[in-house]
């Protein structure tokens, strides 16, 4: 994997760092790691990545709601 693919795989984790609550960081980190590990099987990697982005998006939305 090159740097671009790893940075895209880490996007859920990076988005979760912007959330106010720290509860979303661990699941997003786990899904990012799973995405990298499953990169040989693209369909499974996409599912793990989508779950991570969904968790991070909900956490980010909750932060924006409180502002």
N, C-alpha and C. Protein backbone atom coordinates (compact mmCIF):
# COMPACT_ATOMS: atom_id res chain seq x y z
N UNK A 1 0.85 -1.18 0.00
CA UNK A 1 0.00 0.00 0.00
C UNK A 1 0.89 1.23 0.00
N UNK A 2 0.46 2.22 -0.73
CA UNK A 2 1.22 3.46 -0.74
C UNK A 2 0.61 4.45 0.27
N UNK A 3 1.20 5.60 0.35
CA UNK A 3 0.82 6.59 1.37
C UNK A 3 -0.61 7.09 1.16
N UNK A 4 -1.03 7.25 -0.08
CA UNK A 4 -2.39 7.73 -0.35
C UNK A 4 -3.43 6.72 0.13
N UNK A 5 -3.21 5.45 -0.11
CA UNK A 5 -4.16 4.43 0.33
C UNK A 5 -4.21 4.34 1.85
N UNK A 6 -3.09 4.47 2.50
CA UNK A 6 -3.08 4.42 3.96
C UNK A 6 -3.76 5.66 4.55
N UNK A 7 -3.57 6.81 3.93
CA UNK A 7 -4.23 8.02 4.44
C UNK A 7 -5.74 7.96 4.24
N UNK A 8 -6.19 7.37 3.15
CA UNK A 8 -7.63 7.20 2.95
C UNK A 8 -8.17 6.19 3.96
N UNK A 9 -7.43 5.13 4.22
CA UNK A 9 -7.86 4.14 5.20
C UNK A 9 -7.91 4.72 6.60
N UNK A 10 -7.08 5.69 6.90
CA UNK A 10 -7.04 6.31 8.23
C UNK A 10 -8.05 7.44 8.39
N UNK A 11 -8.79 7.76 7.35
CA UNK A 11 -9.73 8.88 7.42
C UNK A 11 -10.76 8.75 8.55
N UNK A 12 -11.36 7.58 8.81
CA UNK A 12 -12.29 7.51 9.95
C UNK A 12 -11.63 7.88 11.28
N UNK A 13 -10.41 7.40 11.48
CA UNK A 13 -9.71 7.73 12.72
C UNK A 13 -9.43 9.22 12.81
N UNK A 14 -9.00 9.82 11.73
CA UNK A 14 -8.71 11.25 11.75
C UNK A 14 -9.97 12.08 11.97
N UNK A 15 -11.09 11.65 11.40
CA UNK A 15 -12.36 12.36 11.62
C UNK A 15 -12.81 12.22 13.08
N UNK A 16 -12.57 11.07 13.66
CA UNK A 16 -13.00 10.87 15.05
C UNK A 16 -12.19 11.73 16.01
N UNK A 17 -10.97 12.09 15.64
CA UNK A 17 -10.18 12.97 16.50
C UNK A 17 -10.78 14.36 16.60
N UNK A 18 -11.59 14.74 15.61
CA UNK A 18 -12.22 16.05 15.63
C UNK A 18 -13.49 16.08 16.48
N UNK A 19 -13.97 14.92 16.90
CA UNK A 19 -15.18 14.89 17.71
C UNK A 19 -14.88 15.27 19.14
N UNK A 20 -15.88 15.76 19.82
CA UNK A 20 -15.70 16.20 21.20
C UNK A 20 -15.58 15.01 22.15
N UNK A 21 -16.39 14.00 21.92
CA UNK A 21 -16.32 12.82 22.78
C UNK A 21 -15.19 11.91 22.33
N UNK A 22 -14.60 11.23 23.25
CA UNK A 22 -13.48 10.34 22.94
C UNK A 22 -13.94 8.90 22.78
N UNK A 23 -15.27 8.66 22.83
CA UNK A 23 -15.78 7.31 22.71
C UNK A 23 -15.67 6.76 21.30
N UNK A 24 -15.58 7.61 20.30
CA UNK A 24 -15.56 7.16 18.91
C UNK A 24 -14.15 6.87 18.41
N UNK A 25 -13.14 7.23 19.16
CA UNK A 25 -11.77 7.07 18.67
C UNK A 25 -11.38 5.60 18.55
N UNK A 26 -11.66 4.81 19.57
CA UNK A 26 -11.25 3.40 19.55
C UNK A 26 -11.92 2.61 18.42
N UNK A 27 -13.25 2.71 18.24
CA UNK A 27 -13.85 1.96 17.12
C UNK A 27 -13.36 2.43 15.75
N UNK A 28 -13.14 3.71 15.61
CA UNK A 28 -12.64 4.22 14.33
C UNK A 28 -11.20 3.79 14.08
N UNK A 29 -10.40 3.74 15.11
CA UNK A 29 -9.04 3.24 14.96
C UNK A 29 -9.06 1.76 14.57
N UNK A 30 -9.94 1.00 15.18
CA UNK A 30 -10.06 -0.42 14.86
C UNK A 30 -10.51 -0.62 13.41
N UNK A 31 -11.48 0.15 12.96
CA UNK A 31 -11.93 0.00 11.56
C UNK A 31 -10.86 0.45 10.58
N UNK A 32 -10.08 1.45 10.94
CA UNK A 32 -8.98 1.87 10.07
C UNK A 32 -7.91 0.78 9.96
N UNK A 33 -7.61 0.14 11.07
CA UNK A 33 -6.63 -0.95 11.04
C UNK A 33 -7.18 -2.12 10.23
N UNK A 34 -8.46 -2.44 10.42
CA UNK A 34 -9.06 -3.52 9.64
C UNK A 34 -9.07 -3.21 8.15
N UNK A 35 -9.28 -1.95 7.80
CA UNK A 35 -9.26 -1.57 6.40
C UNK A 35 -7.89 -1.82 5.78
N UNK A 36 -6.85 -1.47 6.51
CA UNK A 36 -5.49 -1.70 6.01
C UNK A 36 -5.21 -3.20 5.92
N UNK A 37 -5.62 -3.96 6.93
CA UNK A 37 -5.35 -5.38 6.92
C UNK A 37 -6.14 -6.13 5.84
N UNK A 38 -7.34 -5.64 5.55
CA UNK A 38 -8.19 -6.29 4.54
C UNK A 38 -8.02 -5.69 3.16
N UNK A 39 -6.99 -4.93 2.93
CA UNK A 39 -6.83 -4.25 1.64
C UNK A 39 -6.65 -5.24 0.50
N UNK A 40 -6.26 -6.46 0.77
CA UNK A 40 -6.15 -7.48 -0.27
C UNK A 40 -7.51 -7.94 -0.77
N UNK A 41 -8.54 -7.77 0.06
CA UNK A 41 -9.91 -8.12 -0.31
C UNK A 41 -10.73 -6.83 -0.32
N UNK A 42 -10.84 -6.16 -1.47
CA UNK A 42 -11.44 -4.82 -1.51
C UNK A 42 -12.86 -4.72 -0.98
N UNK A 43 -13.69 -5.73 -1.20
CA UNK A 43 -15.08 -5.62 -0.75
C UNK A 43 -15.18 -5.57 0.76
N UNK A 44 -14.39 -6.37 1.43
CA UNK A 44 -14.40 -6.35 2.89
C UNK A 44 -13.76 -5.09 3.43
N UNK A 45 -12.75 -4.59 2.77
CA UNK A 45 -12.09 -3.36 3.22
C UNK A 45 -13.04 -2.17 3.11
N UNK A 46 -13.83 -2.14 2.05
CA UNK A 46 -14.78 -1.04 1.87
C UNK A 46 -15.85 -1.07 2.95
N UNK A 47 -16.30 -2.24 3.32
CA UNK A 47 -17.32 -2.34 4.37
C UNK A 47 -16.75 -1.84 5.70
N UNK A 48 -15.54 -2.24 6.04
CA UNK A 48 -14.92 -1.78 7.28
C UNK A 48 -14.72 -0.27 7.25
N UNK A 49 -14.30 0.26 6.11
CA UNK A 49 -14.07 1.69 5.99
C UNK A 49 -15.39 2.47 6.12
N UNK A 50 -16.44 1.97 5.50
CA UNK A 50 -17.74 2.66 5.58
C UNK A 50 -18.29 2.67 7.00
N UNK A 51 -18.11 1.58 7.72
CA UNK A 51 -18.55 1.55 9.12
C UNK A 51 -17.78 2.57 9.94
N UNK A 52 -16.49 2.66 9.72
CA UNK A 52 -15.67 3.65 10.43
C UNK A 52 -16.06 5.09 10.12
N UNK A 53 -16.31 5.35 8.86
CA UNK A 53 -16.72 6.71 8.47
C UNK A 53 -18.09 7.04 9.06
N UNK A 54 -18.97 6.07 9.11
CA UNK A 54 -20.29 6.30 9.70
C UNK A 54 -20.19 6.62 11.19
N UNK A 55 -19.37 5.89 11.91
CA UNK A 55 -19.17 6.16 13.34
C UNK A 55 -18.57 7.55 13.53
N UNK A 56 -17.57 7.89 12.74
CA UNK A 56 -16.92 9.19 12.86
C UNK A 56 -17.86 10.33 12.48
N UNK A 57 -18.70 10.11 11.47
CA UNK A 57 -19.63 11.15 11.05
C UNK A 57 -20.67 11.44 12.12
N UNK A 58 -21.16 10.40 12.78
CA UNK A 58 -22.13 10.60 13.86
C UNK A 58 -21.48 11.35 15.02
N UNK A 59 -20.26 10.99 15.36
CA UNK A 59 -19.55 11.68 16.45
C UNK A 59 -19.28 13.14 16.10
N UNK A 60 -18.91 13.39 14.86
CA UNK A 60 -18.66 14.76 14.43
C UNK A 60 -19.95 15.57 14.39
N UNK A 61 -21.04 14.93 13.97
CA UNK A 61 -22.33 15.62 13.94
C UNK A 61 -22.77 16.01 15.35
N UNK A 62 -22.53 15.14 16.32
CA UNK A 62 -22.87 15.45 17.70
C UNK A 62 -22.04 16.62 18.22
N UNK A 63 -20.79 16.70 17.80
CA UNK A 63 -19.98 17.84 18.23
C UNK A 63 -20.50 19.14 17.63
N UNK A 64 -20.86 19.10 16.35
CA UNK A 64 -21.37 20.30 15.70
C UNK A 64 -22.74 20.70 16.24
N UNK A 65 -23.49 19.73 16.70
CA UNK A 65 -24.81 20.04 17.26
C UNK A 65 -24.68 20.82 18.57
N UNK A 66 -23.65 20.56 19.34
CA UNK A 66 -23.49 21.24 20.63
C UNK A 66 -22.94 22.65 20.49
N UNK A 67 -22.43 22.99 19.34
CA UNK A 67 -21.85 24.33 19.16
C UNK A 67 -22.94 25.35 18.95
